[in-house]
Amino acid sequence: MKVIGLTEFGAASVLRPLEVPQRSAGAGEVRIRVRAAAVNPVDAIIRSGGFAGGGLRPDGPVVPGMDVAGTIEEIGPDQPAGSDLGLGDAVTGFVVPNGSHGGYSEAIVLPALSVTRMPASGGYAEGASFLSNALTAEITLEHLASRPGRRSPSRARPEPSAATWSSSRCAGACG
């Protein structure tokens, strides 16, 4: 399977086309034919070697890419209860990069719980940028709500005290 990856850490110029084995979906997993992958700051940190001490080493291909969108091409056995993902569904997924397991790939196998259908509006590029931004917004709101005397927004109406910063970009666009 074709990927964009690296065998040494460095500037963006170390990224190049590589071949890695393609996995089949296992228990509780789906394989996605990747149509778009977002480039996010963590990908640049991985590429430059910033996480090398955390286990990612260029002794084999390293494939960045935490956010993908595409179509489901294989569904493994034993899907989680309540999962209604089907073959051909347009989905977005969150990837935990691990060596040659990253989103800059023709296809990627992910836990079904890391995948959701794409929003009805927008295309694959927008879908690939959705999950990390939505997660960032949720974590920010939870952090704001965890201040003394506040309740989590998931358990109470949002209070009008949170500032809106660049609402047309990233996290603001998901709310």
C-alpha atoms as a PDB file:
ATOM      1  CA  MET A   1       0.000   0.000   0.000  1.00  0.00           C
ATOM      2  CA  LYS A   2       1.257   3.479  -0.816  1.00  0.00           C
ATOM      3  CA  VAL A   3       1.838   5.976   1.997  1.00  0.00           C
ATOM      4  CA  ILE A   4       3.565   9.304   2.444  1.00  0.00           C
ATOM      5  CA  GLY A   5       6.070   8.794   5.220  1.00  0.00           C
ATOM      6  CA  LEU A   6       9.630   9.195   6.346  1.00  0.00           C
ATOM      7  CA  THR A   7      12.639   7.090   7.248  1.00  0.00           C
ATOM      8  CA  GLU A   8      14.519   9.943   8.926  1.00  0.00           C
ATOM      9  CA  PHE A   9      13.300  12.916  10.924  1.00  0.00           C
ATOM     10  CA  GLY A  10      13.673  16.441   9.592  1.00  0.00           C
ATOM     11  CA  ALA A  11      12.077  19.163   7.483  1.00  0.00           C
ATOM     12  CA  ALA A  12       9.071  18.553   5.237  1.00  0.00           C
ATOM     13  CA  SER A  13      11.482  17.419   2.515  1.00  0.00           C
ATOM     14  CA  VAL A  14      11.969  14.056   4.340  1.00  0.00           C
ATOM     15  CA  LEU A  15       8.378  13.054   3.463  1.00  0.00           C
ATOM     16  CA  ARG A  16       8.256  10.772   0.437  1.00  0.00           C
ATOM     17  CA  PRO A  17       6.177   7.996  -1.143  1.00  0.00           C
ATOM     18  CA  LEU A  18       6.764   4.600   0.504  1.00  0.00           C
ATOM     19  CA  GLU A  19       5.220   1.113   0.401  1.00  0.00           C
ATOM     20  CA  VAL A  20       3.970  -0.664   3.546  1.00  0.00           C
ATOM     21  CA  PRO A  21       1.849  -3.811   4.015  1.00  0.00           C
ATOM     22  CA  GLN A  22      -1.915  -3.266   4.094  1.00  0.00           C
ATOM     23  CA  ARG A  23      -3.756  -4.660   7.118  1.00  0.00           C
ATOM     24  CA  SER A  24      -7.185  -6.232   7.178  1.00  0.00           C
ATOM     25  CA  ALA A  25      -9.770  -5.049   9.682  1.00  0.00           C
ATOM     26  CA  GLY A  26      -9.736  -7.117  12.854  1.00  0.00           C
ATOM     27  CA  ALA A  27     -12.249  -7.434  15.671  1.00  0.00           C
ATOM     28  CA  GLY A  28     -13.967  -4.113  16.358  1.00  0.00           C
ATOM     29  CA  GLU A  29     -12.115  -2.403  13.502  1.00  0.00           C
ATOM     30  CA  VAL A  30     -12.889  -0.929  10.091  1.00  0.00           C
ATOM     31  CA  ARG A  31     -10.636  -0.250   7.120  1.00  0.00           C
ATOM     32  CA  ILE A  32     -11.087   3.136   5.486  1.00  0.00           C
ATOM     33  CA  ARG A  33     -10.083   4.044   1.931  1.00  0.00           C
ATOM     34  CA  VAL A  34      -8.539   7.451   2.689  1.00  0.00           C
ATOM     35  CA  ARG A  35      -9.782  10.294   0.478  1.00  0.00           C
ATOM     36  CA  ALA A  36      -8.299  13.166   2.552  1.00  0.00           C
ATOM     37  CA  ALA A  37      -5.920  13.532   5.483  1.00  0.00           C
ATOM     38  CA  ALA A  38      -5.481  16.728   7.474  1.00  0.00           C
ATOM     39  CA  VAL A  39      -2.074  18.166   8.283  1.00  0.00           C
ATOM     40  CA  ASN A  40      -2.040  19.153  11.915  1.00  0.00           C
ATOM     41  CA  PRO A  41       0.675  20.482  14.254  1.00  0.00           C
ATOM     42  CA  VAL A  42       1.305  17.059  15.818  1.00  0.00           C
ATOM     43  CA  ASP A  43       2.137  15.697  12.360  1.00  0.00           C
ATOM     44  CA  ALA A  44       4.859  18.352  11.975  1.00  0.00           C
ATOM     45  CA  ILE A  45       6.207  17.505  15.438  1.00  0.00           C
ATOM     46  CA  ILE A  46       6.331  13.806  14.542  1.00  0.00           C
ATOM     47  CA  ARG A  47       8.019  14.562  11.211  1.00  0.00           C
ATOM     48  CA  SER A  48      10.684  16.704  12.889  1.00  0.00           C
ATOM     49  CA  GLY A  49      11.421  14.035  15.527  1.00  0.00           C
ATOM     50  CA  GLY A  50       9.782  15.816  18.436  1.00  0.00           C
ATOM     51  CA  PHE A  51       8.238  12.585  19.745  1.00  0.00           C
ATOM     52  CA  ALA A  52      11.266  10.357  19.011  1.00  0.00           C
ATOM     53  CA  GLY A  53      11.805   9.807  22.725  1.00  0.00           C
ATOM     54  CA  GLY A  54       8.206   8.612  23.030  1.00  0.00           C
ATOM     55  CA  GLY A  55       8.689   5.541  20.885  1.00  0.00           C
ATOM     56  CA  LEU A  56       8.399   6.803  17.308  1.00  0.00           C
ATOM     57  CA  ARG A  57      11.710   6.068  15.641  1.00  0.00           C
ATOM     58  CA  PRO A  58      12.689   6.198  11.978  1.00  0.00           C
ATOM     59  CA  ASP A  59      14.065   2.623  11.992  1.00  0.00           C
ATOM     60  CA  GLY A  60      11.075   1.712   9.829  1.00  0.00           C
ATOM     61  CA  PRO A  61       8.694   3.932   7.934  1.00  0.00           C
ATOM     62  CA  VAL A  62       6.972   6.550  10.071  1.00  0.00           C
ATOM     63  CA  VAL A  63       3.646   7.682   8.609  1.00  0.00           C
ATOM     64  CA  PRO A  64       2.145  10.856  10.102  1.00  0.00           C
ATOM     65  CA  GLY A  65      -1.523  11.789   9.903  1.00  0.00           C
ATOM     66  CA  MET A  66      -3.965  11.965  12.813  1.00  0.00           C
ATOM     67  CA  ASP A  67      -7.125  12.955  10.961  1.00  0.00           C
ATOM     68  CA  VAL A  68      -8.625  11.199   7.946  1.00  0.00           C
ATOM     69  CA  ALA A  69     -11.811  11.053   5.924  1.00  0.00           C
ATOM     70  CA  GLY A  70     -12.822   8.438   3.407  1.00  0.00           C
ATOM     71  CA  THR A  71     -15.107   5.486   2.812  1.00  0.00           C
ATOM     72  CA  ILE A  72     -15.385   2.224   4.709  1.00  0.00           C
ATOM     73  CA  GLU A  73     -14.088  -0.619   2.538  1.00  0.00           C
ATOM     74  CA  GLU A  74     -13.941  -3.423   5.125  1.00  0.00           C
ATOM     75  CA  ILE A  75     -15.668  -4.122   8.437  1.00  0.00           C
ATOM     76  CA  GLY A  76     -14.070  -6.538  10.872  1.00  0.00           C
ATOM     77  CA  PRO A  77     -15.974  -8.968  13.102  1.00  0.00           C
ATOM     78  CA  ASP A  78     -17.314  -8.191  16.567  1.00  0.00           C
ATOM     79  CA  GLN A  79     -18.265  -4.554  16.049  1.00  0.00           C
ATOM     80  CA  PRO A  80     -19.078  -2.517  19.182  1.00  0.00           C
ATOM     81  CA  ALA A  81     -22.675  -2.518  20.374  1.00  0.00           C
ATOM     82  CA  GLY A  82     -24.675   0.198  18.654  1.00  0.00           C
ATOM     83  CA  SER A  83     -22.263   0.549  15.740  1.00  0.00           C
ATOM     84  CA  ASP A  84     -24.180   1.020  12.509  1.00  0.00           C
ATOM     85  CA  LEU A  85     -21.269   1.762  10.180  1.00  0.00           C
ATOM     86  CA  GLY A  86     -21.652   0.137   6.777  1.00  0.00           C
ATOM     87  CA  LEU A  87     -19.562  -0.571   3.710  1.00  0.00           C
ATOM     88  CA  GLY A  88     -19.245   2.542   1.561  1.00  0.00           C
ATOM     89  CA  ASP A  89     -20.173   4.970   4.357  1.00  0.00           C
ATOM     90  CA  ALA A  90     -18.404   8.343   4.174  1.00  0.00           C
ATOM     91  CA  VAL A  91     -16.605   8.650   7.506  1.00  0.00           C
ATOM     92  CA  THR A  92     -14.041  10.662   9.401  1.00  0.00           C
ATOM     93  CA  GLY A  93     -11.587   9.032  11.765  1.00  0.00           C
ATOM     94  CA  PHE A  94      -9.094   9.921  14.468  1.00  0.00           C
ATOM     95  CA  VAL A  95      -5.735   8.155  14.175  1.00  0.00           C
ATOM     96  CA  VAL A  96      -3.169   7.586  16.911  1.00  0.00           C
ATOM     97  CA  PRO A  97       0.017   7.561  14.798  1.00  0.00           C
ATOM     98  CA  ASN A  98       2.258   4.615  15.567  1.00  0.00           C
ATOM     99  CA  GLY A  99       5.131   3.898  13.218  1.00  0.00           C
ATOM    100  CA  SER A 100       3.740   2.985   9.810  1.00  0.00           C
ATOM    101  CA  HIS A 101       0.167   3.411  11.101  1.00  0.00           C
ATOM    102  CA  GLY A 102      -0.746   6.975  10.139  1.00  0.00           C
ATOM    103  CA  GLY A 103      -3.327   8.761   8.050  1.00  0.00           C
ATOM    104  CA  TYR A 104      -1.105   9.711   5.105  1.00  0.00           C
ATOM    105  CA  SER A 105      -2.040   6.348   3.582  1.00  0.00           C
ATOM    106  CA  GLU A 106      -4.177   4.911   0.805  1.00  0.00           C
ATOM    107  CA  ALA A 107      -6.106   3.028   3.487  1.00  0.00           C
ATOM    108  CA  ILE A 108      -6.029   2.745   7.263  1.00  0.00           C
ATOM    109  CA  VAL A 109      -7.454   0.328   9.830  1.00  0.00           C
ATOM    110  CA  LEU A 110      -8.996   2.024  12.871  1.00  0.00           C
ATOM    111  CA  PRO A 111     -11.077   0.966  15.862  1.00  0.00           C
ATOM    112  CA  ALA A 112     -14.731   1.485  14.923  1.00  0.00           C
ATOM    113  CA  LEU A 113     -15.057   3.660  18.039  1.00  0.00           C
ATOM    114  CA  SER A 114     -12.538   6.120  16.486  1.00  0.00           C
ATOM    115  CA  VAL A 115     -14.710   6.580  13.396  1.00  0.00           C
ATOM    116  CA  THR A 116     -17.934   8.472  12.798  1.00  0.00           C
ATOM    117  CA  ARG A 117     -19.995   9.382   9.774  1.00  0.00           C
ATOM    118  CA  MET A 118     -19.006  12.642   8.145  1.00  0.00           C
ATOM    119  CA  PRO A 119     -21.230  15.668   8.631  1.00  0.00           C
ATOM    120  CA  ALA A 120     -23.837  15.936   5.864  1.00  0.00           C
ATOM    121  CA  SER A 121     -22.399  19.211   4.607  1.00  0.00           C
ATOM    122  CA  GLY A 122     -18.875  19.485   3.278  1.00  0.00           C
ATOM    123  CA  GLY A 123     -16.561  17.099   1.513  1.00  0.00           C
ATOM    124  CA  TYR A 124     -13.716  14.809   2.465  1.00  0.00           C
ATOM    125  CA  ALA A 125     -11.259  17.665   3.108  1.00  0.00           C
ATOM    126  CA  GLU A 126     -13.659  19.230   5.611  1.00  0.00           C
ATOM    127  CA  GLY A 127     -14.364  15.823   7.135  1.00  0.00           C
ATOM    128  CA  ALA A 128     -10.654  15.172   7.669  1.00  0.00           C
ATOM    129  CA  SER A 129     -10.311  18.410   9.623  1.00  0.00           C
ATOM    130  CA  PHE A 130     -13.403  17.891  11.779  1.00  0.00           C
ATOM    131  CA  LEU A 131     -12.575  15.508  14.655  1.00  0.00           C
ATOM    132  CA  SER A 132      -9.418  17.093  16.103  1.00  0.00           C
ATOM    133  CA  ASN A 133     -11.029  20.521  15.957  1.00  0.00           C
ATOM    134  CA  ALA A 134     -14.222  19.271  17.597  1.00  0.00           C
ATOM    135  CA  LEU A 135     -12.177  17.497  20.286  1.00  0.00           C
ATOM    136  CA  THR A 136     -10.165  20.681  20.897  1.00  0.00           C
ATOM    137  CA  ALA A 137     -13.404  22.636  21.324  1.00  0.00           C
ATOM    138  CA  GLU A 138     -14.837  20.042  23.721  1.00  0.00           C
ATOM    139  CA  ILE A 139     -11.672  19.921  25.850  1.00  0.00           C
ATOM    140  CA  THR A 140     -11.565  23.728  25.982  1.00  0.00           C
ATOM    141  CA  LEU A 141     -15.210  23.965  27.064  1.00  0.00           C
ATOM    142  CA  GLU A 142     -14.738  21.210  29.651  1.00  0.00           C
ATOM    143  CA  HIS A 143     -11.660  23.030  30.991  1.00  0.00           C
ATOM    144  CA  LEU A 144     -13.555  26.320  31.216  1.00  0.00           C
ATOM    145  CA  ALA A 145     -16.437  24.564  32.942  1.00  0.00           C
ATOM    146  CA  SER A 146     -14.157  22.840  35.466  1.00  0.00           C
ATOM    147  CA  ARG A 147     -13.284  26.103  37.166  1.00  0.00           C
ATOM    148  CA  PRO A 148     -14.599  26.308  40.745  1.00  0.00           C
ATOM    149  CA  GLY A 149     -18.341  26.810  40.866  1.00  0.00           C
ATOM    150  CA  ARG A 150     -18.928  25.701  37.277  1.00  0.00           C
ATOM    151  CA  ARG A 151     -20.611  22.583  35.923  1.00  0.00           C
ATOM    152  CA  SER A 152     -19.649  20.663  32.835  1.00  0.00           C
ATOM    153  CA  PRO A 153     -21.378  21.924  29.666  1.00  0.00           C
ATOM    154  CA  SER A 154     -22.479  18.365  29.023  1.00  0.00           C
ATOM    155  CA  ARG A 155     -24.553  18.546  32.204  1.00  0.00           C
ATOM    156  CA  ALA A 156     -25.759  22.136  32.138  1.00  0.00           C
ATOM    157  CA  ARG A 157     -26.700  24.880  29.720  1.00  0.00           C
ATOM    158  CA  PRO A 158     -23.615  26.720  28.479  1.00  0.00           C
ATOM    159  CA  GLU A 159     -23.001  29.930  30.388  1.00  0.00           C
ATOM    160  CA  PRO A 160     -22.498  33.118  28.359  1.00  0.00           C
ATOM    161  CA  SER A 161     -19.048  33.771  29.860  1.00  0.00           C
ATOM    162  CA  ALA A 162     -16.865  31.896  27.343  1.00  0.00           C
ATOM    163  CA  ALA A 163     -15.185  34.125  24.772  1.00  0.00           C
ATOM    164  CA  THR A 164     -15.486  33.353  21.073  1.00  0.00           C
ATOM    165  CA  TRP A 165     -12.083  33.480  19.437  1.00  0.00           C
ATOM    166  CA  SER A 166     -11.838  33.148  15.662  1.00  0.00           C
ATOM    167  CA  SER A 167     -15.220  31.461  15.435  1.00  0.00           C
ATOM    168  CA  SER A 168     -14.926  30.843  11.704  1.00  0.00           C
ATOM    169  CA  ARG A 169     -11.855  28.640  12.130  1.00  0.00           C
ATOM    170  CA  CYS A 170     -10.930  25.390  13.840  1.00  0.00           C
ATOM    171  CA  ALA A 171     -12.808  24.823  17.080  1.00  0.00           C
ATOM    172  CA  GLY A 172     -15.223  27.712  16.586  1.00  0.00           C
ATOM    173  CA  ALA A 173     -16.522  26.225  13.362  1.00  0.00           C
ATOM    174  CA  CYS A 174     -17.508  22.987  15.120  1.00  0.00           C
ATOM    175  CA  GLY A 175     -19.695  24.530  17.806  1.00  0.00           C
END
